[in-house]
Amino acid sequence: MTATATQRVATQEAQQHSEGIVARTIEQQTAKLPSDIFLWGALGSIGVSLYFELKGNAEKSRFVGQWVSPFLLLGVYNKLVKLAGSDRLNK
């Protein structure tokens, strides 16, 4: 297989697995955010959860404590978008 044929196959594969306009737009916007924001958000929610727990408000503590995982997952998503790009066809 020649280099041109290999490139054509890769382009066809990328077209078949390309992102939709909504996902592409979200990825373009989230890639602008520094990854630290999500880490600080997770650490902040741990701190606020601890504060509520120490104040005796267990319900609020559990509610805020549940934010840690989504913040960390959004941070991983943000990092992947920055490393892998939004879409192979849009480079």
C-alpha atoms as a PDB file:
ATOM      1  CA  MET A   1       0.000   0.000   0.000  1.00  0.00           C
ATOM      2  CA  THR A   2       1.434   3.360  -0.972  1.00  0.00           C
ATOM      3  CA  ALA A   3       1.663   6.391   1.290  1.00  0.00           C
ATOM      4  CA  THR A   4      -1.130   8.108  -0.646  1.00  0.00           C
ATOM      5  CA  ALA A   5      -3.415   5.076  -0.329  1.00  0.00           C
ATOM      6  CA  THR A   6      -2.663   4.836   3.391  1.00  0.00           C
ATOM      7  CA  GLN A   7      -3.475   8.519   3.829  1.00  0.00           C
ATOM      8  CA  ARG A   8      -6.729   8.092   1.878  1.00  0.00           C
ATOM      9  CA  VAL A   9      -7.778   5.160   4.099  1.00  0.00           C
ATOM     10  CA  ALA A  10      -6.952   7.174   7.239  1.00  0.00           C
ATOM     11  CA  THR A  11      -9.012  10.116   5.952  1.00  0.00           C
ATOM     12  CA  GLN A  12     -11.981   7.869   5.180  1.00  0.00           C
ATOM     13  CA  GLU A  13     -11.767   6.324   8.641  1.00  0.00           C
ATOM     14  CA  ALA A  14     -11.614   9.780  10.225  1.00  0.00           C
ATOM     15  CA  GLN A  15     -14.695  10.859   8.258  1.00  0.00           C
ATOM     16  CA  GLN A  16     -16.621   7.811   9.471  1.00  0.00           C
ATOM     17  CA  HIS A  17     -15.714   8.530  13.100  1.00  0.00           C
ATOM     18  CA  SER A  18     -15.870  12.317  13.080  1.00  0.00           C
ATOM     19  CA  GLU A  19     -17.595  14.327  15.802  1.00  0.00           C
ATOM     20  CA  GLY A  20     -20.868  16.155  15.354  1.00  0.00           C
ATOM     21  CA  ILE A  21     -21.106  19.934  15.413  1.00  0.00           C
ATOM     22  CA  VAL A  22     -22.292  20.070  19.044  1.00  0.00           C
ATOM     23  CA  ALA A  23     -19.432  17.901  20.351  1.00  0.00           C
ATOM     24  CA  ARG A  24     -16.913  19.797  18.231  1.00  0.00           C
ATOM     25  CA  THR A  25     -18.143  23.160  19.547  1.00  0.00           C
ATOM     26  CA  ILE A  26     -18.057  21.986  23.179  1.00  0.00           C
ATOM     27  CA  GLU A  27     -14.540  20.604  22.734  1.00  0.00           C
ATOM     28  CA  GLN A  28     -13.309  23.824  21.151  1.00  0.00           C
ATOM     29  CA  GLN A  29     -14.625  25.852  24.087  1.00  0.00           C
ATOM     30  CA  THR A  30     -13.450  23.501  26.849  1.00  0.00           C
ATOM     31  CA  ALA A  31      -9.966  23.302  25.333  1.00  0.00           C
ATOM     32  CA  LYS A  32      -9.616  27.028  26.100  1.00  0.00           C
ATOM     33  CA  LEU A  33      -9.921  26.392  29.858  1.00  0.00           C
ATOM     34  CA  PRO A  34      -6.795  25.585  31.869  1.00  0.00           C
ATOM     35  CA  SER A  35      -6.871  22.084  33.378  1.00  0.00           C
ATOM     36  CA  ASP A  36      -6.087  23.524  36.811  1.00  0.00           C
ATOM     37  CA  ILE A  37      -9.624  24.919  37.072  1.00  0.00           C
ATOM     38  CA  PHE A  38     -11.074  21.434  37.387  1.00  0.00           C
ATOM     39  CA  LEU A  39      -8.483  20.302  39.928  1.00  0.00           C
ATOM     40  CA  TRP A  40      -9.087  23.398  42.070  1.00  0.00           C
ATOM     41  CA  GLY A  41     -12.839  22.874  41.719  1.00  0.00           C
ATOM     42  CA  ALA A  42     -12.497  19.324  43.032  1.00  0.00           C
ATOM     43  CA  LEU A  43     -10.272  20.400  45.920  1.00  0.00           C
ATOM     44  CA  GLY A  44     -12.618  23.280  46.714  1.00  0.00           C
ATOM     45  CA  SER A  45     -15.639  21.000  46.825  1.00  0.00           C
ATOM     46  CA  ILE A  46     -13.750  18.678  49.194  1.00  0.00           C
ATOM     47  CA  GLY A  47     -13.042  21.644  51.452  1.00  0.00           C
ATOM     48  CA  VAL A  48     -16.620  22.946  51.373  1.00  0.00           C
ATOM     49  CA  SER A  49     -17.924  19.441  52.013  1.00  0.00           C
ATOM     50  CA  LEU A  50     -15.619  19.115  55.025  1.00  0.00           C
ATOM     51  CA  TYR A  51     -16.784  22.510  56.302  1.00  0.00           C
ATOM     52  CA  PHE A  52     -20.444  21.476  56.108  1.00  0.00           C
ATOM     53  CA  GLU A  53     -19.654  18.144  57.771  1.00  0.00           C
ATOM     54  CA  LEU A  54     -17.881  19.854  60.674  1.00  0.00           C
ATOM     55  CA  LYS A  55     -20.792  22.298  61.044  1.00  0.00           C
ATOM     56  CA  GLY A  56     -23.186  19.357  61.396  1.00  0.00           C
ATOM     57  CA  ASN A  57     -24.954  19.791  58.076  1.00  0.00           C
ATOM     58  CA  ALA A  58     -24.472  16.277  56.686  1.00  0.00           C
ATOM     59  CA  GLU A  59     -26.997  16.687  53.851  1.00  0.00           C
ATOM     60  CA  LYS A  60     -25.182  19.676  52.329  1.00  0.00           C
ATOM     61  CA  SER A  61     -21.850  17.971  52.948  1.00  0.00           C
ATOM     62  CA  ARG A  62     -22.870  14.899  50.921  1.00  0.00           C
ATOM     63  CA  PHE A  63     -24.361  17.055  48.163  1.00  0.00           C
ATOM     64  CA  VAL A  64     -21.201  19.141  47.694  1.00  0.00           C
ATOM     65  CA  GLY A  65     -18.965  16.094  48.161  1.00  0.00           C
ATOM     66  CA  GLN A  66     -20.554  14.497  45.117  1.00  0.00           C
ATOM     67  CA  TRP A  67     -19.125  17.268  42.919  1.00  0.00           C
ATOM     68  CA  VAL A  68     -15.543  15.966  43.249  1.00  0.00           C
ATOM     69  CA  SER A  69     -15.834  13.161  40.687  1.00  0.00           C
ATOM     70  CA  PRO A  70     -17.496  15.265  37.966  1.00  0.00           C
ATOM     71  CA  PHE A  71     -14.852  17.971  38.359  1.00  0.00           C
ATOM     72  CA  LEU A  72     -12.064  15.406  37.993  1.00  0.00           C
ATOM     73  CA  LEU A  73     -13.771  13.742  35.022  1.00  0.00           C
ATOM     74  CA  LEU A  74     -14.191  17.098  33.300  1.00  0.00           C
ATOM     75  CA  GLY A  75     -10.502  17.755  33.909  1.00  0.00           C
ATOM     76  CA  VAL A  76      -9.557  14.459  32.257  1.00  0.00           C
ATOM     77  CA  TYR A  77     -11.872  15.246  29.332  1.00  0.00           C
ATOM     78  CA  ASN A  78     -10.305  18.702  29.029  1.00  0.00           C
ATOM     79  CA  LYS A  79      -6.806  17.212  28.974  1.00  0.00           C
ATOM     80  CA  LEU A  80      -7.773  14.623  26.347  1.00  0.00           C
ATOM     81  CA  VAL A  81      -9.244  17.293  24.095  1.00  0.00           C
ATOM     82  CA  LYS A  82      -6.061  19.329  24.402  1.00  0.00           C
ATOM     83  CA  LEU A  83      -3.804  16.354  23.670  1.00  0.00           C
ATOM     84  CA  ALA A  84      -5.828  14.600  20.972  1.00  0.00           C
ATOM     85  CA  GLY A  85      -7.501  17.580  19.349  1.00  0.00           C
ATOM     86  CA  SER A  86     -11.158  18.105  18.696  1.00  0.00           C
ATOM     87  CA  ASP A  87     -11.315  16.050  15.531  1.00  0.00           C
ATOM     88  CA  ARG A  88      -8.714  14.532  13.231  1.00  0.00           C
ATOM     89  CA  LEU A  89     -10.339  16.103  10.154  1.00  0.00           C
ATOM     90  CA  ASN A  90     -10.239  19.657  11.506  1.00  0.00           C
ATOM     91  CA  LYS A  91      -6.489  19.895  11.938  1.00  0.00           C
END
